[in-house]
């Protein structure tokens, strides 16, 4: 016997154009708007749970950029990228 999932209702206000886009997307995929939204939530969860965390070197570069330390200045992007290296 299948177990029942307890459901909760949510109501949101979205612009009419977004509602129309969602409705059209669902129709094109042969799904309900509910299914499209639940798939989007699952996708967000997968992205949030994946390990896309910056490493120490990246964190340091971000902090340096925020505090304007160790910046490489250049008039041209190509020259600047050569200074940065791989």
Protein backbone atom coordinates (compact mmCIF):
# COMPACT_ATOMS: atom_id res chain seq x y z
CA UNK A 1 0.00 0.00 0.00
CA UNK A 2 1.38 3.41 -1.00
CA UNK A 3 1.99 5.93 1.72
CA UNK A 4 0.19 9.24 1.53
CA UNK A 5 2.23 12.41 1.36
CA UNK A 6 0.90 15.26 3.44
CA UNK A 7 0.35 18.25 1.17
CA UNK A 8 0.48 21.94 1.92
CA UNK A 9 -1.01 24.69 -0.21
CA UNK A 10 0.84 27.81 -1.30
CA UNK A 11 -0.52 30.86 -3.08
CA UNK A 12 1.72 33.33 -4.87
CA UNK A 13 1.04 36.41 -6.94
CA UNK A 14 3.02 36.61 -10.17
CA UNK A 15 2.78 38.94 -13.14
CA UNK A 16 0.17 37.87 -15.67
CA UNK A 17 2.82 37.47 -18.38
CA UNK A 18 4.77 35.01 -16.18
CA UNK A 19 1.59 33.03 -15.55
CA UNK A 20 0.97 32.84 -19.29
CA UNK A 21 4.57 31.75 -19.91
CA UNK A 22 4.32 29.05 -17.24
CA UNK A 23 1.01 27.83 -18.65
CA UNK A 24 2.45 27.70 -22.19
CA UNK A 25 5.59 25.91 -21.00
CA UNK A 26 3.49 23.31 -19.21
CA UNK A 27 1.30 22.79 -22.28
CA UNK A 28 4.32 22.38 -24.56
CA UNK A 29 5.78 19.77 -22.23
CA UNK A 30 2.47 18.00 -21.69
CA UNK A 31 2.65 18.65 -17.96
CA UNK A 32 0.71 20.61 -15.40
CA UNK A 33 1.93 23.93 -14.07
CA UNK A 34 2.28 22.21 -10.69
CA UNK A 35 4.63 19.63 -12.19
CA UNK A 36 6.75 22.34 -13.82
CA UNK A 37 7.05 24.22 -10.52
CA UNK A 38 7.91 21.08 -8.54
CA UNK A 39 10.60 20.20 -11.10
CA UNK A 40 12.03 23.70 -10.72
CA UNK A 41 12.14 23.29 -6.93
CA UNK A 42 13.95 19.97 -7.30
CA UNK A 43 16.44 21.60 -9.66
CA UNK A 44 17.11 24.37 -7.14
CA UNK A 45 17.64 21.78 -4.40
CA UNK A 46 20.11 19.83 -6.55
CA UNK A 47 22.06 22.99 -7.30
CA UNK A 48 22.11 24.06 -3.66
CA UNK A 49 23.26 20.62 -2.50
CA UNK A 50 26.04 20.26 -5.05
CA UNK A 51 29.55 21.15 -3.99
CA UNK A 52 30.08 24.32 -5.98
CA UNK A 53 31.88 25.96 -3.11
CA UNK A 54 34.88 28.15 -3.88
CA UNK A 55 38.30 26.87 -2.82
CA UNK A 56 40.72 28.85 -0.60
CA UNK A 57 42.47 30.47 -3.57
CA UNK A 58 39.17 31.70 -5.01
CA UNK A 59 37.98 32.97 -1.62
CA UNK A 60 41.23 34.91 -1.22
CA UNK A 61 40.88 36.39 -4.72
CA UNK A 62 37.33 37.50 -3.95
CA UNK A 63 38.38 39.09 -0.66
CA UNK A 64 41.33 40.81 -2.37
CA UNK A 65 39.08 42.16 -5.11
CA UNK A 66 36.54 43.41 -2.56
CA UNK A 67 39.26 45.21 -0.62
CA UNK A 68 41.04 46.27 -3.84
CA UNK A 69 44.26 44.45 -2.86
CA UNK A 70 46.65 42.69 -5.25
CA UNK A 71 44.77 43.93 -8.30
CA UNK A 72 46.41 43.66 -11.70
CA UNK A 73 45.79 46.75 -13.76
CA UNK A 74 45.88 46.78 -17.51
CA UNK A 75 44.51 48.76 -20.41
CA UNK A 76 43.62 45.66 -22.37
CA UNK A 77 41.90 42.52 -21.18
CA UNK A 78 44.23 40.25 -23.17
CA UNK A 79 47.35 41.71 -21.55
CA UNK A 80 45.77 41.43 -18.12
CA UNK A 81 44.80 37.81 -18.68
CA UNK A 82 48.36 36.98 -19.74
CA UNK A 83 49.64 38.47 -16.49
CA UNK A 84 47.19 36.35 -14.50
CA UNK A 85 48.30 33.12 -16.14
CA UNK A 86 46.38 29.81 -16.32
